[in-house]
C-alpha cells in the first residue's frame, strides 16, 4: 500500500489470494486497475470473477491468454460492467 486510499502496490510476500478474496467480497469497488508482470495468480483472478460491483476494469501491460480465460466468468456474470 502506498499513501493513497485507492491504490495497493504488491510487494514480495504479499498474499494475492487474500487480495482476491477481498476484491470478490467487495460491494463498493467500482474501478479496478491491474498492471501485471508477471501475470496475476489464479487466487486473485478467482476473486475478481466473484465481484459484482466493479463497473470498470483497466488492464495495463500484456496479459497472457490464460489470464483472460480465467476472467471469462467476470465478463459473463458482472452486469455492472460498463467499460
Protein backbone atom coordinates (compact mmCIF):
# COMPACT_ATOMS: atom_id res chain seq x y z
CA UNK A 1 0.00 0.00 0.00
CA UNK A 2 1.38 3.40 -0.86
CA UNK A 3 -0.06 6.57 0.70
CA UNK A 4 -3.21 6.56 -1.43
CA UNK A 5 -6.50 5.10 -0.24
CA UNK A 6 -7.27 3.72 -3.68
CA UNK A 7 -4.00 2.06 -4.60
CA UNK A 8 -2.42 -1.18 -3.45
CA UNK A 9 1.09 -1.95 -4.63
CA UNK A 10 2.05 -5.61 -4.40
CA UNK A 11 5.29 -6.33 -2.62
CA UNK A 12 7.22 -9.56 -2.31
CA UNK A 13 5.48 -11.83 0.16
CA UNK A 14 2.00 -10.28 -0.27
CA UNK A 15 -0.71 -12.93 -0.38
CA UNK A 16 -2.66 -12.20 -3.56
CA UNK A 17 -5.13 -14.96 -2.78
CA UNK A 18 -6.37 -12.87 0.16
CA UNK A 19 -6.42 -9.77 -2.02
CA UNK A 20 -8.58 -11.73 -4.47
CA UNK A 21 -10.87 -12.80 -1.64
CA UNK A 22 -11.47 -9.21 -0.52
CA UNK A 23 -11.97 -7.99 -4.09
CA UNK A 24 -14.53 -10.76 -4.57
CA UNK A 25 -16.40 -9.82 -1.38
CA UNK A 26 -16.42 -6.06 -2.02
CA UNK A 27 -19.79 -4.43 -2.65
CA UNK A 28 -18.32 -0.95 -3.20
CA UNK A 29 -15.37 -1.46 -5.56
CA UNK A 30 -16.25 0.33 -8.82
CA UNK A 31 -12.90 0.54 -10.64
CA UNK A 32 -10.07 -1.97 -10.73
CA UNK A 33 -6.79 -1.23 -12.47
CA UNK A 34 -4.35 -4.09 -13.00
CA UNK A 35 -0.77 -3.66 -14.04
CA UNK A 36 0.65 -7.15 -14.21
CA UNK A 37 4.08 -8.51 -14.88
CA UNK A 38 4.18 -11.47 -14.40
CA UNK A 39 0.52 -12.46 -14.85
CA UNK A 40 -1.55 -12.46 -11.63
CA UNK A 41 -2.01 -15.71 -9.67
CA UNK A 42 -5.20 -17.75 -10.00
CA UNK A 43 -6.41 -16.82 -6.50
CA UNK A 44 -6.51 -13.15 -7.41
CA UNK A 45 -8.32 -13.84 -10.67
CA UNK A 46 -10.89 -16.04 -8.93
CA UNK A 47 -11.65 -13.20 -6.53
CA UNK A 48 -12.09 -10.74 -9.37
CA UNK A 49 -14.51 -13.18 -11.01
CA UNK A 50 -16.69 -13.28 -7.87
CA UNK A 51 -17.03 -9.50 -7.71
CA UNK A 52 -20.26 -7.92 -8.97
CA UNK A 53 -19.68 -4.26 -8.06
CA UNK A 54 -16.84 -3.47 -10.49
CA UNK A 55 -18.03 -1.22 -13.29
CA UNK A 56 -14.69 -0.68 -15.00
CA UNK A 57 -11.67 -2.95 -15.37
CA UNK A 58 -8.49 -1.41 -16.76
CA UNK A 59 -5.54 -3.60 -17.65
CA UNK A 60 -2.02 -2.33 -18.31
CA UNK A 61 0.82 -4.37 -19.78
CA UNK A 62 0.46 -7.55 -21.71
CA UNK A 63 -1.62 -10.22 -20.03
CA UNK A 64 -1.40 -13.84 -21.05
CA UNK A 65 -4.31 -15.51 -22.84
CA UNK A 66 -4.77 -17.77 -19.84
CA UNK A 67 -5.45 -14.72 -17.67
CA UNK A 68 -8.33 -13.71 -19.92
CA UNK A 69 -9.63 -17.27 -19.89
CA UNK A 70 -9.70 -17.19 -16.09
CA UNK A 71 -11.57 -13.86 -16.19
CA UNK A 72 -14.32 -15.16 -18.51
CA UNK A 73 -16.82 -15.61 -15.62
CA UNK A 74 -16.21 -12.00 -14.59
CA UNK A 75 -17.09 -10.69 -18.03
CA UNK A 76 -20.04 -13.07 -18.38
CA UNK A 77 -21.63 -12.58 -14.95
CA UNK A 78 -20.95 -8.97 -13.95
CA UNK A 79 -23.97 -6.95 -15.11
CA UNK A 80 -22.48 -3.73 -13.65
CA UNK A 81 -19.50 -3.78 -16.01
CA UNK A 82 -19.61 -0.77 -18.34
CA UNK A 83 -16.03 -0.41 -19.65
